[in-house]
Amino acid sequence: LLRERFDDDVVHAIFRQGGPQGTAVMTRAARETTRDALFADLPVPLTVLAADLAGRQPAVLDQGPLAPALVTAMTVPGLYPPVRTGDQRLVDAVVLTPVPTSALSGVDVTIAVNLFGSVTSPAWPGGTSQPAAGQRDRDPVVESLELASHAAAVAQTAEADVQVTPDIGLGSWRDFGLAEQYLAAGEEAMEAALPTLRALALPSQ
């Protein structure tokens, strides 16, 4: 479903153009992919994080419709104005919590996936060596946010019981056209973490 919705025009509007046009496209895509579900409708509990610029702290979104929360969580500073909710001014949580391990509560085992790893390989898993399409035209605002988030992502990943950092050195999180390569990289990284997960899942002797 995401492959169908996030075509080149949608990606351009959301992550290049921004502004009212980007917000409209992002809102439509969020509603179509979630089918207007509520947080309470989800079979697996979900918490979405944003960053509250007014309070200078993370803001938890876990009530009401899912789509507006996802839009708020994708409100990249510099491309969109903050989403105002009461006294809060909310933007993408990447500025504070790129790997939101601390948002989890009441769980026995935490798995963190860090998409800000610094590993760079000459080819994707499976031997694909083509460069990422987005590498030739990066947005300096978004690129600066990624750079600032790197150290925080490493530290927050270290807080989890199972730490997974896929090798996506050839790409950026905005390269939606490389979904298959990302899936392969994620599977490879998760398979490497399975022994740790199995050990945690077994009852203690």
Protein backbone atom coordinates (compact mmCIF):
# COMPACT_ATOMS: atom_id res chain seq x y z
CA LEU A 1 0.00 0.00 0.00
CA LEU A 2 2.81 2.41 0.85
CA ARG A 3 4.55 1.62 -2.44
CA GLU A 4 1.37 2.59 -4.29
CA ARG A 5 0.77 5.80 -2.33
CA PHE A 6 4.32 7.14 -2.10
CA ASP A 7 5.10 7.66 -5.77
CA ASP A 8 7.60 10.27 -7.03
CA ASP A 9 5.04 13.10 -6.97
CA VAL A 10 4.01 12.37 -3.38
CA VAL A 11 7.61 12.13 -2.18
CA HIS A 12 8.47 15.41 -3.91
CA ALA A 13 5.48 17.20 -2.38
CA ILE A 14 6.13 15.93 1.16
CA PHE A 15 9.93 16.01 1.39
CA ARG A 16 10.94 18.62 -1.19
CA GLN A 17 8.14 21.10 -1.62
CA GLY A 18 6.67 21.18 1.88
CA GLY A 19 4.28 23.97 2.84
CA PRO A 20 0.50 23.75 2.39
CA GLN A 21 0.78 21.55 -0.71
CA GLY A 22 3.01 19.07 1.11
CA THR A 23 0.70 19.05 4.13
CA ALA A 24 -2.31 18.29 1.94
CA VAL A 25 -0.53 15.41 0.19
CA MET A 26 0.84 14.05 3.47
CA THR A 27 -2.59 14.19 5.11
CA ARG A 28 -4.23 12.37 2.22
CA ALA A 29 -1.54 9.68 2.17
CA ALA A 30 -1.80 9.20 5.96
CA ARG A 31 -5.58 8.85 5.85
CA GLU A 32 -5.51 6.43 2.91
CA THR A 33 -2.83 4.18 4.41
CA THR A 34 -4.39 4.09 7.90
CA ARG A 35 -7.99 3.97 6.65
CA ASP A 36 -8.87 6.57 9.32
CA ALA A 37 -8.11 4.12 12.14
CA LEU A 38 -7.98 5.23 15.76
CA PHE A 39 -5.12 4.38 18.11
CA ALA A 40 -7.67 2.36 20.10
CA ASP A 41 -8.44 0.25 17.00
CA LEU A 42 -4.89 -1.08 16.60
CA PRO A 43 -4.27 -4.71 17.57
CA VAL A 44 -0.72 -3.80 18.67
CA PRO A 45 -0.39 -0.76 20.96
CA LEU A 46 1.36 2.17 19.27
CA THR A 47 2.95 5.35 20.55
CA VAL A 48 3.95 8.11 18.14
CA LEU A 49 6.42 10.76 19.26
CA ALA A 50 6.71 14.39 18.23
CA ALA A 51 8.93 17.14 19.63
CA ASP A 52 7.28 20.03 21.45
CA LEU A 53 9.26 23.17 20.62
CA ALA A 54 7.38 25.18 23.26
CA GLY A 55 8.06 22.71 26.05
CA ARG A 56 11.45 21.66 24.67
CA GLN A 57 10.63 18.01 25.23
CA PRO A 58 9.21 14.96 23.45
CA ALA A 59 5.41 14.82 23.13
CA VAL A 60 3.58 11.49 23.20
CA LEU A 61 0.76 10.98 20.69
CA ASP A 62 -1.35 7.89 21.43
CA GLN A 63 -4.98 9.00 21.47
CA GLY A 64 -7.61 9.66 18.83
CA PRO A 65 -7.16 9.30 15.04
CA LEU A 66 -3.89 7.84 13.85
CA ALA A 67 -3.49 9.88 10.64
CA PRO A 68 -3.10 13.35 12.25
CA ALA A 69 -0.52 11.94 14.66
CA LEU A 70 1.51 10.54 11.78
CA VAL A 71 1.33 13.85 9.92
CA THR A 72 2.53 15.66 13.05
CA ALA A 73 5.38 13.18 13.44
CA MET A 74 6.47 13.87 9.83
CA THR A 75 6.41 17.66 10.17
CA VAL A 76 10.04 18.33 9.29
CA PRO A 77 11.29 21.69 10.64
CA GLY A 78 12.23 24.02 7.82
CA LEU A 79 9.75 22.44 5.41
CA TYR A 80 6.62 22.85 7.54
CA PRO A 81 5.43 25.14 10.32
CA PRO A 82 4.90 23.43 13.70
CA VAL A 83 1.53 21.80 14.38
CA ARG A 84 -0.17 23.71 17.19
CA THR A 85 -2.05 21.70 19.81
CA GLY A 86 -3.06 23.85 22.79
CA ASP A 87 0.19 25.35 24.07
CA GLN A 88 2.30 22.82 22.18
CA ARG A 89 4.18 23.48 18.93
CA LEU A 90 4.88 20.03 17.53
CA VAL A 91 7.40 18.91 14.89
CA ASP A 92 9.14 15.71 13.82
CA ALA A 93 10.68 14.08 16.93
CA VAL A 94 13.93 13.39 15.07
CA VAL A 95 15.34 16.59 16.55
CA LEU A 96 15.17 15.04 20.05
CA THR A 97 14.46 11.32 19.82
CA PRO A 98 15.49 9.75 16.50
CA VAL A 99 15.26 6.30 18.17
CA PRO A 100 12.47 6.73 20.75
CA THR A 101 13.40 3.89 23.10
CA SER A 102 12.37 5.91 26.14
CA ALA A 103 8.76 6.14 24.92
CA LEU A 104 8.21 2.44 25.60
CA SER A 105 6.70 1.44 28.91
CA GLY A 106 5.34 -1.77 30.36
CA VAL A 107 7.32 -4.01 28.00
CA ASP A 108 9.74 -6.81 28.84
CA VAL A 109 12.09 -6.59 25.87
CA THR A 110 12.85 -3.57 23.72
CA ILE A 111 14.09 -3.72 20.12
CA ALA A 112 15.55 -0.51 18.68
CA VAL A 113 16.19 0.04 14.97
CA ASN A 114 18.63 2.84 14.19
CA LEU A 115 18.27 4.27 10.66
CA PHE A 116 21.03 6.81 11.27
CA GLY A 117 23.92 4.34 11.22
CA SER A 118 27.23 5.44 9.72
CA VAL A 119 28.12 2.16 8.00
CA THR A 120 28.92 2.66 4.33
CA SER A 121 29.19 -0.31 1.98
CA PRO A 122 30.01 -0.48 -1.74
CA ALA A 123 26.83 -2.43 -2.43
CA TRP A 124 23.43 -3.20 -0.95
CA PRO A 125 22.67 -6.68 0.35
CA GLY A 126 22.26 -8.88 -2.70
CA GLY A 127 25.00 -7.13 -4.66
CA THR A 128 23.12 -4.05 -5.91
CA SER A 129 25.70 -1.28 -6.31
CA GLN A 130 23.59 1.51 -7.83
CA PRO A 131 23.77 4.85 -5.97
CA ALA A 132 20.70 6.13 -4.17
CA ALA A 133 18.65 8.49 -6.33
CA GLY A 134 18.34 11.10 -3.60
CA GLN A 135 22.08 11.42 -2.97
CA ARG A 136 22.56 13.86 -5.84
CA ASP A 137 20.02 16.38 -4.56
CA ARG A 138 19.88 16.47 -0.80
CA ASP A 139 17.96 19.12 1.13
CA PRO A 140 20.53 20.90 3.36
CA VAL A 141 17.95 21.47 6.12
CA VAL A 142 17.02 17.80 6.31
CA GLU A 143 20.65 16.74 5.91
CA SER A 144 21.62 18.99 8.84
CA LEU A 145 18.89 17.43 11.00
CA GLU A 146 20.20 13.97 10.15
CA LEU A 147 23.74 15.00 11.11
CA ALA A 148 22.58 16.48 14.41
CA SER A 149 20.52 13.36 15.17
CA HIS A 150 23.32 10.84 14.63
CA ALA A 151 24.87 10.88 18.11
CA ALA A 152 21.46 10.84 19.81
CA ALA A 153 20.38 7.88 17.67
CA VAL A 154 23.43 5.86 18.69
CA ALA A 155 22.91 6.62 22.39
CA GLN A 156 19.17 5.87 22.32
CA THR A 157 19.71 2.62 20.43
CA ALA A 158 22.16 1.53 23.12
CA GLU A 159 19.35 1.73 25.70
CA ALA A 160 17.45 -1.15 24.05
CA ASP A 161 17.83 -4.84 24.84
CA VAL A 162 18.16 -5.70 21.15
CA GLN A 163 20.00 -3.18 18.98
CA VAL A 164 19.56 -3.26 15.20
CA THR A 165 21.38 -0.92 12.80
CA PRO A 166 20.72 -1.80 9.14
CA ASP A 167 23.50 -1.09 6.65
CA ILE A 168 21.90 1.66 4.53
CA GLY A 169 25.07 3.60 3.89
CA LEU A 170 24.26 4.03 0.20
CA GLY A 171 20.90 5.68 0.81
CA SER A 172 18.80 8.12 2.76
CA TRP A 173 15.48 7.55 4.52
CA ARG A 174 13.91 9.69 1.77
CA ASP A 175 14.86 7.31 -1.05
CA PHE A 176 11.44 5.70 -1.27
CA GLY A 177 12.28 4.11 -4.60
CA LEU A 178 14.79 1.85 -2.88
CA ALA A 179 12.20 0.04 -0.75
CA GLU A 180 13.37 -3.43 -1.79
CA GLN A 181 16.98 -2.66 -0.87
CA TYR A 182 15.88 -1.30 2.49
CA LEU A 183 13.84 -4.42 3.17
CA ALA A 184 16.83 -6.63 2.35
CA ALA A 185 19.13 -4.54 4.57
CA GLY A 186 16.62 -4.69 7.43
CA GLU A 187 16.19 -8.45 7.13
CA GLU A 188 19.95 -8.97 7.16
CA ALA A 189 20.39 -6.78 10.26
CA MET A 190 17.50 -8.44 12.10
CA GLU A 191 18.79 -11.93 11.32
CA ALA A 192 22.12 -10.91 12.87
CA ALA A 193 20.25 -9.81 16.03
CA LEU A 194 18.16 -12.99 16.34
CA PRO A 195 20.57 -14.83 18.69
CA THR A 196 20.29 -11.95 21.19
CA LEU A 197 16.51 -11.89 20.86
CA ARG A 198 16.24 -15.67 21.29
CA ALA A 199 18.38 -15.56 24.42
CA LEU A 200 16.10 -12.89 25.92
CA ALA A 201 12.95 -14.79 24.94
CA LEU A 202 13.96 -18.03 26.67
CA PRO A 203 12.93 -18.44 30.31
CA SER A 204 15.80 -17.93 32.72
CA GLN A 205 17.14 -21.13 34.26
